[in-house]
N, C-alpha and C. Protein backbone atom coordinates (compact mmCIF):
# COMPACT_ATOMS: atom_id res chain seq x y z
N MET A 1 143.91 134.49 99.16
CA MET A 1 144.40 133.16 98.95
C MET A 1 143.66 132.16 99.85
N VAL A 2 143.44 132.54 101.10
CA VAL A 2 142.74 131.67 102.03
C VAL A 2 141.30 131.46 101.57
N ASP A 3 140.68 132.52 101.05
CA ASP A 3 139.31 132.39 100.56
C ASP A 3 139.23 131.41 99.39
N LEU A 4 140.22 131.45 98.50
CA LEU A 4 140.26 130.52 97.37
C LEU A 4 140.41 129.09 97.88
N TYR A 5 141.28 128.88 98.87
CA TYR A 5 141.49 127.55 99.46
C TYR A 5 140.20 127.04 100.09
N ILE A 6 139.48 127.88 100.81
CA ILE A 6 138.21 127.49 101.44
C ILE A 6 137.18 127.15 100.37
N ALA A 7 137.10 127.92 99.31
CA ALA A 7 136.13 127.67 98.24
C ALA A 7 136.44 126.34 97.56
N ILE A 8 137.71 126.06 97.28
CA ILE A 8 138.10 124.79 96.66
C ILE A 8 137.78 123.64 97.61
N SER A 9 138.08 123.80 98.89
CA SER A 9 137.82 122.76 99.89
C SER A 9 136.32 122.46 99.98
N LYS A 10 135.49 123.52 99.99
CA LYS A 10 134.04 123.31 100.06
C LYS A 10 133.54 122.56 98.83
N THR A 11 134.02 122.92 97.65
CA THR A 11 133.62 122.26 96.41
C THR A 11 134.05 120.80 96.45
N TYR A 12 135.29 120.56 96.86
CA TYR A 12 135.82 119.20 96.94
C TYR A 12 135.02 118.37 97.95
N MET A 13 134.73 118.96 99.11
CA MET A 13 133.99 118.25 100.15
C MET A 13 132.56 117.96 99.69
N SER A 14 131.93 118.88 98.97
CA SER A 14 130.57 118.63 98.50
C SER A 14 130.55 117.50 97.48
N LYS A 15 131.60 117.41 96.66
CA LYS A 15 131.68 116.30 95.69
C LYS A 15 131.88 114.98 96.42
N ILE A 16 132.72 114.97 97.43
CA ILE A 16 132.93 113.75 98.21
C ILE A 16 131.64 113.34 98.90
N PHE A 17 130.94 114.32 99.48
CA PHE A 17 129.68 114.03 100.15
C PHE A 17 128.65 113.48 99.16
N ALA A 18 128.56 114.08 97.98
CA ALA A 18 127.61 113.61 96.96
C ALA A 18 127.94 112.19 96.53
N ALA A 19 129.22 111.92 96.31
CA ALA A 19 129.63 110.57 95.90
C ALA A 19 129.33 109.56 96.99
N PHE A 20 129.62 109.93 98.25
CA PHE A 20 129.32 109.03 99.36
C PHE A 20 127.82 108.78 99.48
N SER A 21 127.01 109.82 99.30
CA SER A 21 125.55 109.68 99.38
C SER A 21 125.04 108.73 98.31
N ILE A 22 125.53 108.88 97.09
CA ILE A 22 125.11 107.99 95.99
C ILE A 22 125.52 106.56 96.30
N TYR A 23 126.76 106.37 96.75
CA TYR A 23 127.22 105.02 97.10
C TYR A 23 126.35 104.41 98.20
N PHE A 24 126.02 105.22 99.21
CA PHE A 24 125.20 104.74 100.32
C PHE A 24 123.82 104.31 99.83
N LEU A 25 123.19 105.13 98.98
CA LEU A 25 121.86 104.79 98.46
C LEU A 25 121.89 103.53 97.60
N ILE A 26 122.92 103.39 96.79
CA ILE A 26 123.06 102.19 95.96
C ILE A 26 123.25 100.96 96.83
N SER A 27 124.07 101.07 97.86
CA SER A 27 124.33 99.91 98.72
C SER A 27 123.09 99.52 99.51
N ILE A 28 122.26 100.49 99.91
CA ILE A 28 121.01 100.17 100.60
C ILE A 28 120.09 99.41 99.65
N ASN A 29 119.96 99.89 98.41
CA ASN A 29 119.10 99.24 97.42
C ASN A 29 119.61 97.83 97.12
N ALA A 30 120.91 97.68 96.96
CA ALA A 30 121.48 96.36 96.67
C ALA A 30 121.26 95.40 97.82
N SER A 31 121.41 95.87 99.06
CA SER A 31 121.21 94.97 100.19
C SER A 31 119.75 94.59 100.33
N ALA A 32 118.83 95.47 99.96
CA ALA A 32 117.42 95.13 100.03
C ALA A 32 117.09 94.02 99.04
N GLN A 33 117.73 94.02 97.89
CA GLN A 33 117.47 92.99 96.90
C GLN A 33 118.13 91.67 97.29
N ASN A 34 119.08 91.69 98.19
CA ASN A 34 119.77 90.48 98.61
C ASN A 34 119.25 89.97 99.94
N ASN A 35 118.16 90.49 100.42
CA ASN A 35 117.55 90.05 101.67
C ASN A 35 117.27 88.55 101.55
N PRO A 36 117.80 87.72 102.47
CA PRO A 36 117.61 86.27 102.36
C PRO A 36 116.15 85.84 102.40
N THR A 37 115.33 86.54 103.16
CA THR A 37 113.91 86.20 103.22
C THR A 37 113.24 86.47 101.89
N GLU A 38 113.54 87.61 101.28
CA GLU A 38 112.96 87.94 99.98
C GLU A 38 113.37 86.90 98.93
N LYS A 39 114.63 86.51 98.94
CA LYS A 39 115.11 85.51 98.00
C LYS A 39 114.41 84.17 98.24
N TYR A 40 114.29 83.78 99.51
CA TYR A 40 113.65 82.51 99.85
C TYR A 40 112.20 82.48 99.36
N VAL A 41 111.44 83.53 99.66
CA VAL A 41 110.02 83.56 99.29
C VAL A 41 109.87 83.65 97.77
N ASN A 42 110.73 84.41 97.12
CA ASN A 42 110.69 84.49 95.66
C ASN A 42 110.93 83.10 95.04
N ASP A 43 111.92 82.37 95.54
CA ASP A 43 112.18 81.01 95.08
C ASP A 43 111.02 80.08 95.41
N PHE A 44 110.43 80.27 96.58
CA PHE A 44 109.27 79.48 97.03
C PHE A 44 108.10 79.67 96.05
N SER A 45 107.89 80.92 95.62
CA SER A 45 106.84 81.24 94.66
C SER A 45 107.07 80.50 93.35
N ILE A 46 108.30 80.48 92.88
CA ILE A 46 108.62 79.79 91.63
C ILE A 46 108.45 78.28 91.79
N ARG A 47 108.84 77.73 92.95
CA ARG A 47 108.62 76.29 93.21
C ARG A 47 107.14 75.95 93.20
N LYS A 48 106.31 76.86 93.72
CA LYS A 48 104.86 76.66 93.71
C LYS A 48 104.37 76.39 92.30
N ASN A 49 104.90 77.10 91.32
CA ASN A 49 104.49 76.90 89.94
C ASN A 49 104.81 75.49 89.48
N GLN A 50 105.97 74.98 89.86
CA GLN A 50 106.32 73.61 89.50
C GLN A 50 105.39 72.61 90.18
N TRP A 51 105.04 72.90 91.42
CA TRP A 51 104.11 72.01 92.15
C TRP A 51 102.74 71.99 91.48
N LEU A 52 102.30 73.13 90.95
CA LEU A 52 101.02 73.18 90.24
C LEU A 52 101.08 72.33 88.97
N ILE A 53 102.18 72.41 88.23
CA ILE A 53 102.34 71.62 87.01
C ILE A 53 102.41 70.13 87.35
N GLN A 54 103.19 69.80 88.38
CA GLN A 54 103.41 68.40 88.76
C GLN A 54 102.30 67.83 89.63
N LYS A 55 101.35 68.66 89.99
CA LYS A 55 100.24 68.27 90.87
C LYS A 55 100.75 67.69 92.19
N ASN A 56 101.66 68.42 92.80
CA ASN A 56 102.24 68.05 94.08
C ASN A 56 101.32 68.61 95.19
N TYR A 57 100.27 67.86 95.46
CA TYR A 57 99.21 68.32 96.37
C TYR A 57 99.71 68.53 97.79
N ASP A 58 100.58 67.67 98.29
CA ASP A 58 101.07 67.81 99.67
C ASP A 58 101.79 69.14 99.87
N SER A 59 102.69 69.47 98.95
CA SER A 59 103.43 70.73 99.07
C SER A 59 102.50 71.92 98.91
N LEU A 60 101.57 71.83 97.98
CA LEU A 60 100.61 72.92 97.78
C LEU A 60 99.74 73.13 99.02
N ASN A 61 99.28 72.04 99.62
CA ASN A 61 98.47 72.15 100.84
C ASN A 61 99.23 72.82 101.97
N LEU A 62 100.53 72.58 102.05
CA LEU A 62 101.34 73.19 103.11
C LEU A 62 101.58 74.67 102.88
N MET A 63 101.66 75.09 101.62
CA MET A 63 102.02 76.48 101.34
C MET A 63 100.81 77.39 101.15
N LEU A 64 99.63 76.84 100.81
CA LEU A 64 98.44 77.67 100.63
C LEU A 64 97.75 77.90 101.98
N ASP A 65 97.58 79.15 102.34
CA ASP A 65 96.82 79.47 103.55
C ASP A 65 95.38 79.00 103.34
N LYS A 66 94.74 78.53 104.38
CA LYS A 66 93.38 78.01 104.27
C LYS A 66 92.39 79.06 103.74
N ARG A 67 92.70 80.33 103.95
CA ARG A 67 91.82 81.41 103.46
C ARG A 67 92.36 82.05 102.18
N CYS A 68 93.27 81.38 101.50
CA CYS A 68 93.89 81.91 100.29
C CYS A 68 92.85 82.21 99.21
N MET A 69 93.03 83.33 98.52
CA MET A 69 92.20 83.67 97.36
C MET A 69 93.12 83.70 96.15
N TYR A 70 92.81 82.87 95.18
CA TYR A 70 93.56 82.76 93.94
C TYR A 70 92.71 83.43 92.86
N ILE A 71 93.07 84.64 92.46
CA ILE A 71 92.26 85.42 91.54
C ILE A 71 92.93 85.41 90.16
N HIS A 72 92.25 84.78 89.20
CA HIS A 72 92.79 84.63 87.85
C HIS A 72 92.50 85.88 87.02
N SER A 73 93.20 86.00 85.90
CA SER A 73 93.10 87.18 85.04
C SER A 73 91.71 87.34 84.41
N ASN A 74 90.92 86.27 84.36
CA ASN A 74 89.57 86.36 83.80
C ASN A 74 88.51 86.63 84.88
N GLY A 75 88.95 86.84 86.12
CA GLY A 75 88.02 87.13 87.21
C GLY A 75 87.61 85.91 88.02
N TRP A 76 88.02 84.74 87.60
CA TRP A 76 87.71 83.50 88.31
C TRP A 76 88.45 83.50 89.64
N ILE A 77 87.74 83.23 90.73
CA ILE A 77 88.35 83.21 92.06
C ILE A 77 88.24 81.81 92.63
N GLN A 78 89.37 81.32 93.14
CA GLN A 78 89.42 80.00 93.77
C GLN A 78 89.91 80.15 95.21
N SER A 79 89.37 79.32 96.07
CA SER A 79 89.90 79.19 97.43
C SER A 79 91.07 78.20 97.37
N ALA A 80 91.77 78.05 98.47
CA ALA A 80 92.87 77.08 98.53
C ALA A 80 92.36 75.67 98.22
N ASP A 81 91.24 75.31 98.82
CA ASP A 81 90.66 73.97 98.58
C ASP A 81 90.26 73.79 97.12
N GLU A 82 89.72 74.84 96.52
CA GLU A 82 89.30 74.74 95.11
C GLU A 82 90.50 74.60 94.18
N VAL A 83 91.62 75.25 94.51
CA VAL A 83 92.83 75.09 93.69
C VAL A 83 93.21 73.61 93.64
N ILE A 84 93.26 72.98 94.81
CA ILE A 84 93.64 71.57 94.89
C ILE A 84 92.60 70.69 94.19
N GLN A 85 91.32 70.91 94.48
CA GLN A 85 90.26 70.08 93.88
C GLN A 85 90.21 70.22 92.36
N ASP A 86 90.41 71.43 91.85
CA ASP A 86 90.37 71.64 90.40
C ASP A 86 91.58 71.00 89.71
N LEU A 87 92.71 70.94 90.40
CA LEU A 87 93.87 70.22 89.85
C LEU A 87 93.60 68.72 89.84
N LYS A 88 93.03 68.21 90.93
CA LYS A 88 92.75 66.77 91.03
C LYS A 88 91.72 66.32 90.00
N SER A 89 90.70 67.14 89.78
CA SER A 89 89.61 66.76 88.86
C SER A 89 89.99 66.95 87.39
N GLY A 90 91.04 67.72 87.13
CA GLY A 90 91.42 68.01 85.75
C GLY A 90 90.72 69.23 85.18
N LYS A 91 89.89 69.89 86.00
CA LYS A 91 89.25 71.12 85.55
C LYS A 91 90.30 72.16 85.16
N LEU A 92 91.40 72.19 85.93
CA LEU A 92 92.51 73.10 85.66
C LEU A 92 93.79 72.27 85.54
N VAL A 93 94.46 72.42 84.42
CA VAL A 93 95.72 71.70 84.18
C VAL A 93 96.76 72.72 83.73
N TYR A 94 97.82 72.83 84.50
CA TYR A 94 98.92 73.70 84.10
C TYR A 94 99.93 72.88 83.32
N LYS A 95 100.32 73.36 82.14
CA LYS A 95 101.29 72.67 81.30
C LYS A 95 102.68 73.32 81.39
N LYS A 96 102.69 74.65 81.43
CA LYS A 96 103.96 75.37 81.41
C LYS A 96 103.78 76.71 82.13
N MET A 97 104.77 77.05 82.96
CA MET A 97 104.80 78.36 83.60
C MET A 97 106.24 78.85 83.51
N GLU A 98 106.43 79.86 82.69
CA GLU A 98 107.77 80.42 82.48
C GLU A 98 107.79 81.83 83.06
N ILE A 99 108.50 82.00 84.15
CA ILE A 99 108.60 83.31 84.80
C ILE A 99 109.70 84.11 84.11
N THR A 100 109.35 85.31 83.63
CA THR A 100 110.32 86.16 82.94
C THR A 100 110.87 87.26 83.84
N GLU A 101 110.10 87.65 84.86
CA GLU A 101 110.53 88.64 85.85
C GLU A 101 109.90 88.27 87.18
N SER A 102 110.64 88.48 88.26
CA SER A 102 110.08 88.21 89.58
C SER A 102 110.88 88.98 90.63
N THR A 103 110.15 89.70 91.47
CA THR A 103 110.77 90.49 92.53
C THR A 103 109.98 90.31 93.82
N ALA A 104 110.69 90.18 94.92
CA ALA A 104 110.05 90.05 96.23
C ALA A 104 110.46 91.23 97.11
N ARG A 105 109.48 91.72 97.88
CA ARG A 105 109.73 92.82 98.82
C ARG A 105 109.14 92.45 100.16
N GLN A 106 109.96 92.51 101.20
CA GLN A 106 109.52 92.13 102.53
C GLN A 106 109.04 93.35 103.31
N PHE A 107 107.91 93.16 104.01
CA PHE A 107 107.36 94.15 104.92
C PHE A 107 107.04 93.41 106.21
N GLU A 108 107.98 93.43 107.14
CA GLU A 108 107.86 92.71 108.42
C GLU A 108 107.57 91.23 108.17
N SER A 109 106.39 90.74 108.56
CA SER A 109 106.10 89.31 108.41
C SER A 109 105.31 89.02 107.14
N MET A 110 105.45 89.90 106.14
CA MET A 110 104.76 89.73 104.86
C MET A 110 105.76 89.96 103.73
N VAL A 111 105.64 89.15 102.68
CA VAL A 111 106.46 89.36 101.48
C VAL A 111 105.52 89.42 100.28
N ILE A 112 105.71 90.44 99.45
CA ILE A 112 104.92 90.59 98.24
C ILE A 112 105.81 90.26 97.06
N VAL A 113 105.36 89.30 96.25
CA VAL A 113 106.09 88.90 95.05
C VAL A 113 105.32 89.43 93.85
N THR A 114 106.01 90.17 92.98
CA THR A 114 105.40 90.62 91.73
C THR A 114 106.24 90.09 90.59
N GLY A 115 105.57 89.74 89.51
CA GLY A 115 106.31 89.20 88.38
C GLY A 115 105.50 89.16 87.11
N LYS A 116 106.19 88.69 86.07
CA LYS A 116 105.59 88.50 84.76
C LYS A 116 105.97 87.11 84.29
N GLY A 117 105.11 86.53 83.46
CA GLY A 117 105.44 85.22 82.93
C GLY A 117 104.47 84.77 81.86
N ASN A 118 104.81 83.64 81.27
CA ASN A 118 103.99 82.99 80.26
C ASN A 118 103.41 81.73 80.88
N PHE A 119 102.10 81.58 80.78
CA PHE A 119 101.39 80.48 81.43
C PHE A 119 100.56 79.74 80.39
N GLU A 120 100.71 78.41 80.37
CA GLU A 120 99.97 77.58 79.43
C GLU A 120 99.29 76.44 80.17
N GLY A 121 98.10 76.07 79.70
CA GLY A 121 97.40 74.96 80.30
C GLY A 121 96.02 74.79 79.71
N LEU A 122 95.16 74.14 80.50
CA LEU A 122 93.78 73.87 80.10
C LEU A 122 92.84 74.23 81.24
N VAL A 123 91.71 74.84 80.89
CA VAL A 123 90.61 75.05 81.83
C VAL A 123 89.39 74.44 81.16
N ASN A 124 88.80 73.44 81.82
CA ASN A 124 87.65 72.72 81.24
C ASN A 124 87.96 72.25 79.82
N ASP A 125 89.15 71.70 79.64
CA ASP A 125 89.63 71.16 78.36
C ASP A 125 89.83 72.21 77.27
N LYS A 126 89.78 73.50 77.61
CA LYS A 126 90.07 74.57 76.66
C LYS A 126 91.47 75.10 76.94
N ALA A 127 92.29 75.15 75.90
CA ALA A 127 93.67 75.59 76.05
C ALA A 127 93.75 77.09 76.32
N PHE A 128 94.72 77.46 77.15
CA PHE A 128 95.04 78.87 77.34
C PHE A 128 96.55 79.04 77.23
N ASN A 129 96.94 80.19 76.73
CA ASN A 129 98.35 80.57 76.62
C ASN A 129 98.38 82.07 76.88
N LEU A 130 98.79 82.44 78.10
CA LEU A 130 98.66 83.83 78.53
C LEU A 130 99.99 84.41 79.00
N LYS A 131 100.18 85.69 78.69
CA LYS A 131 101.25 86.46 79.30
C LYS A 131 100.60 87.24 80.43
N LEU A 132 101.12 87.03 81.65
CA LEU A 132 100.48 87.61 82.82
C LEU A 132 101.44 88.44 83.65
N LEU A 133 100.87 89.43 84.32
CA LEU A 133 101.50 90.16 85.41
C LEU A 133 100.80 89.65 86.66
N TYR A 134 101.56 89.28 87.69
CA TYR A 134 100.92 88.73 88.88
C TYR A 134 101.50 89.33 90.15
N THR A 135 100.67 89.29 91.18
CA THR A 135 101.08 89.70 92.52
C THR A 135 100.67 88.60 93.48
N GLU A 136 101.62 88.19 94.33
CA GLU A 136 101.35 87.18 95.35
C GLU A 136 101.75 87.75 96.70
N VAL A 137 100.93 87.48 97.70
CA VAL A 137 101.23 87.95 99.06
C VAL A 137 101.43 86.74 99.95
N TYR A 138 102.59 86.68 100.59
CA TYR A 138 102.94 85.60 101.51
C TYR A 138 103.04 86.18 102.92
N VAL A 139 102.51 85.43 103.89
CA VAL A 139 102.53 85.86 105.29
C VAL A 139 103.21 84.77 106.10
N LYS A 140 104.03 85.19 107.05
CA LYS A 140 104.71 84.24 107.93
C LYS A 140 103.72 83.74 108.97
N ARG A 141 103.52 82.44 109.00
CA ARG A 141 102.64 81.79 109.98
C ARG A 141 103.50 80.79 110.73
N LYS A 142 103.76 81.10 112.00
CA LYS A 142 104.66 80.28 112.82
C LYS A 142 106.00 80.14 112.11
N ALA A 143 106.36 78.95 111.68
CA ALA A 143 107.69 78.75 111.08
C ALA A 143 107.66 78.66 109.56
N SER A 144 106.51 78.93 108.93
CA SER A 144 106.47 78.76 107.47
C SER A 144 105.76 79.95 106.80
N TRP A 145 106.04 80.08 105.52
CA TRP A 145 105.42 81.12 104.71
C TRP A 145 104.20 80.54 104.02
N LYS A 146 103.10 81.30 104.03
CA LYS A 146 101.85 80.87 103.42
C LYS A 146 101.42 81.88 102.36
N LEU A 147 100.95 81.36 101.23
CA LEU A 147 100.38 82.22 100.20
C LEU A 147 98.96 82.57 100.62
N VAL A 148 98.68 83.87 100.80
CA VAL A 148 97.35 84.29 101.25
C VAL A 148 96.50 84.84 100.11
N THR A 149 97.15 85.35 99.07
CA THR A 149 96.39 85.81 97.91
C THR A 149 97.31 85.90 96.70
N ARG A 150 96.70 85.67 95.55
CA ARG A 150 97.41 85.79 94.27
C ARG A 150 96.42 86.41 93.28
N GLN A 151 96.88 87.38 92.52
CA GLN A 151 96.05 87.99 91.49
C GLN A 151 96.88 88.19 90.24
N SER A 152 96.28 87.92 89.10
CA SER A 152 96.99 88.10 87.84
C SER A 152 96.18 88.97 86.87
N THR A 153 96.91 89.61 85.97
CA THR A 153 96.33 90.48 84.95
C THR A 153 96.96 90.12 83.61
N LYS A 154 96.15 90.05 82.58
CA LYS A 154 96.66 89.74 81.23
C LYS A 154 97.50 90.90 80.72
N LEU A 155 98.59 90.56 80.07
CA LEU A 155 99.42 91.55 79.37
C LEU A 155 99.15 91.44 77.88
N GLU A 156 99.24 92.52 77.17
CA GLU A 156 99.04 92.62 75.71
C GLU A 156 97.64 92.70 75.34
């Protein structure tokens, strides 16, 4: 009888332990997604897209690291200065940026944003309408986050 009680207790305890372990892993994952820094940088990335459309040069200058590399899906690479100059000259015009997925992951003083979206605009007066997968890397510099690199890949 005692052996049966011990066997039932062990089975019951292993189920409780398994349930607790699953709950613990889920809560760790949920808290990682609710990290305030990750949310802030993810929102910052989305605001950047609006600044590109609205040609908000002051905000863009503050958020782009001076050594930023902006790598487009066609292989075109722009520096931070070139991004601003190409917007000012009309060489690059963003009309619409619709983000369909976006996730940020923090690694100490760096946050990596990955996402998907639909991007429309003009390059040298030629229209583009692209579905892209993109990766952006932000680094904490003193009191602000700076975009240090962005790369996109065409989907479909």
